[in-house]
Amino acid sequence: MTVVQRRGSGRVANVVLWVLQVAMAGFFIMSALGKFTGSEPAASTFEAIGWGDWFRHLTGVLEVAGAAGLVVPVLAGVAAPALVALTACAALTEVLLFGGPPVLPLAVLVLCAVIAWGRRDATARLRALVAGR
């Protein structure tokens, strides 16, 4: 009976992770669109950073790549920690540049960390595949 319950809960967890991955991919695509078009608050945020439009566009490209990785099963376990790092930088920027609480970046960071944890087996499989094992 416990094996059946574990399999059932494993399926539920997998579905929940997929829903979360698709939602986060959508979030990052929308965020990247704002960076590519230069709409607010992206334009003023990157202006305040002082690194120019190239950095805003680079961040948008990283967000699109991360979003794509979240919906490719073999890459999801790698994309999620990369997005954790990206959103950690966003949270630091929010605190250091604007002095505000980084609520949204931290919430996104936590959700990406949940995905990374849930897809750690995929990360191990990818590592083994790259290593040729």
Protein backbone atom coordinates (compact mmCIF):
# COMPACT_ATOMS: atom_id res chain seq x y z
CA MET A 1 0.00 0.00 0.00
CA THR A 2 2.79 2.46 0.80
CA VAL A 3 4.45 1.86 -2.61
CA VAL A 4 1.21 2.80 -4.35
CA GLN A 5 0.88 5.89 -2.16
CA ARG A 6 4.47 6.95 -2.93
CA ARG A 7 3.95 6.51 -6.65
CA GLY A 8 0.72 8.48 -6.47
CA SER A 9 2.29 11.28 -4.47
CA GLY A 10 5.27 11.24 -6.85
CA ARG A 11 2.93 11.84 -9.75
CA VAL A 12 1.20 14.66 -7.92
CA ALA A 13 4.57 16.23 -7.09
CA ASN A 14 5.62 15.91 -10.73
CA VAL A 15 2.44 17.62 -11.93
CA VAL A 16 2.81 20.37 -9.33
CA LEU A 17 6.42 20.92 -10.41
CA TRP A 18 5.41 21.10 -14.07
CA VAL A 19 2.69 23.64 -13.32
CA LEU A 20 5.20 25.68 -11.32
CA GLN A 21 7.81 25.39 -14.08
CA VAL A 22 5.41 26.59 -16.76
CA ALA A 23 4.19 29.44 -14.56
CA MET A 24 7.75 30.54 -13.79
CA ALA A 25 8.72 30.24 -17.46
CA GLY A 26 5.81 32.54 -18.30
CA PHE A 27 6.90 34.97 -15.61
CA PHE A 28 10.46 35.11 -16.94
CA ILE A 29 9.29 35.53 -20.55
CA MET A 30 7.08 38.46 -19.53
CA SER A 31 9.92 39.94 -17.50
CA ALA A 32 12.30 39.60 -20.46
CA LEU A 33 9.82 41.30 -22.79
CA GLY A 34 9.87 44.34 -20.53
CA LYS A 35 13.64 44.40 -20.72
CA PHE A 36 13.72 44.05 -24.50
CA THR A 37 11.16 46.80 -25.04
CA GLY A 38 12.64 49.12 -22.43
CA SER A 39 9.36 49.54 -20.61
CA GLU A 40 9.13 50.59 -16.98
CA PRO A 41 10.33 49.64 -14.44
CA ALA A 42 13.05 47.79 -16.37
CA ALA A 43 14.40 50.86 -18.15
CA SER A 44 14.78 53.00 -15.04
CA THR A 45 16.15 50.12 -12.97
CA PHE A 46 18.93 49.35 -15.43
CA GLU A 47 19.58 53.07 -15.88
CA ALA A 48 20.07 53.31 -12.11
CA ILE A 49 22.50 50.39 -12.24
CA GLY A 50 24.51 52.40 -14.75
CA TRP A 51 25.69 49.58 -16.99
CA GLY A 52 23.72 50.61 -20.05
CA ASP A 53 21.21 48.92 -22.29
CA TRP A 54 23.54 46.01 -23.07
CA PHE A 55 23.15 44.74 -19.51
CA ARG A 56 19.36 45.07 -19.64
CA HIS A 57 19.32 43.08 -22.88
CA LEU A 58 21.73 40.47 -21.49
CA THR A 59 19.48 40.01 -18.48
CA GLY A 60 16.51 39.56 -20.80
CA VAL A 61 18.40 36.93 -22.81
CA LEU A 62 19.30 35.08 -19.60
CA GLU A 63 15.66 35.16 -18.53
CA VAL A 64 14.51 33.74 -21.89
CA ALA A 65 17.18 31.03 -21.76
CA GLY A 66 16.15 30.14 -18.21
CA ALA A 67 12.47 30.06 -19.17
CA ALA A 68 13.24 27.76 -22.10
CA GLY A 69 15.30 25.54 -19.83
CA LEU A 70 12.45 25.23 -17.34
CA VAL A 71 10.20 23.60 -19.94
CA VAL A 72 12.83 21.19 -21.34
CA PRO A 73 12.80 18.18 -18.98
CA VAL A 74 16.52 17.42 -19.12
CA LEU A 75 17.43 21.10 -18.56
CA ALA A 76 14.91 22.04 -15.88
CA GLY A 77 17.15 20.96 -13.02
CA VAL A 78 19.96 23.19 -14.30
CA ALA A 79 17.82 26.14 -15.37
CA ALA A 80 16.18 26.52 -11.97
CA PRO A 81 19.41 27.10 -9.97
CA ALA A 82 20.61 29.49 -12.67
CA LEU A 83 17.40 31.45 -12.23
CA VAL A 84 17.88 31.33 -8.45
CA ALA A 85 21.23 33.09 -8.98
CA LEU A 86 19.66 35.61 -11.36
CA THR A 87 16.87 36.46 -8.94
CA ALA A 88 19.32 36.65 -6.02
CA CYS A 89 21.10 39.36 -7.99
CA ALA A 90 17.75 41.08 -8.57
CA ALA A 91 17.01 40.96 -4.84
CA LEU A 92 20.41 42.43 -4.01
CA THR A 93 19.89 45.17 -6.58
CA GLU A 94 16.51 45.98 -5.07
CA VAL A 95 18.00 46.30 -1.60
CA LEU A 96 21.25 48.08 -2.47
CA LEU A 97 19.99 50.44 -5.16
CA PHE A 98 16.49 51.22 -4.04
CA GLY A 99 16.47 50.29 -0.35
CA GLY A 100 13.15 48.56 -0.67
CA PRO A 101 12.18 45.08 0.44
CA PRO A 102 12.87 42.59 -2.37
CA VAL A 103 9.55 40.79 -1.99
CA LEU A 104 9.00 39.75 -5.61
CA PRO A 105 12.58 38.67 -6.34
CA LEU A 106 12.70 36.63 -3.13
CA ALA A 107 9.37 34.97 -3.88
CA VAL A 108 10.59 34.06 -7.37
CA LEU A 109 13.88 32.85 -5.90
CA VAL A 110 12.05 30.53 -3.50
CA LEU A 111 9.86 29.12 -6.27
CA CYS A 112 12.89 28.49 -8.49
CA ALA A 113 14.66 26.84 -5.54
CA VAL A 114 11.66 24.52 -5.10
CA ILE A 115 11.93 23.58 -8.78
CA ALA A 116 15.69 23.04 -8.45
CA TRP A 117 15.15 20.76 -5.47
CA GLY A 118 12.31 18.88 -7.14
CA ARG A 119 14.31 18.36 -10.34
CA ARG A 120 17.60 17.41 -8.68
CA ASP A 121 17.34 13.90 -10.21
CA ALA A 122 17.19 15.47 -13.67
CA THR A 123 20.30 17.46 -12.82
CA ALA A 124 22.11 14.27 -11.78
CA ARG A 125 21.04 12.55 -15.01
CA LEU A 126 22.26 15.48 -17.08
CA ARG A 127 25.56 15.52 -15.20
CA ALA A 128 26.01 11.80 -15.88
CA LEU A 129 25.08 12.28 -19.53
CA VAL A 130 27.60 15.10 -19.97
CA ALA A 131 30.27 13.09 -18.14
CA GLY A 132 29.61 10.15 -20.48
CA ARG A 133 28.47 7.68 -17.84
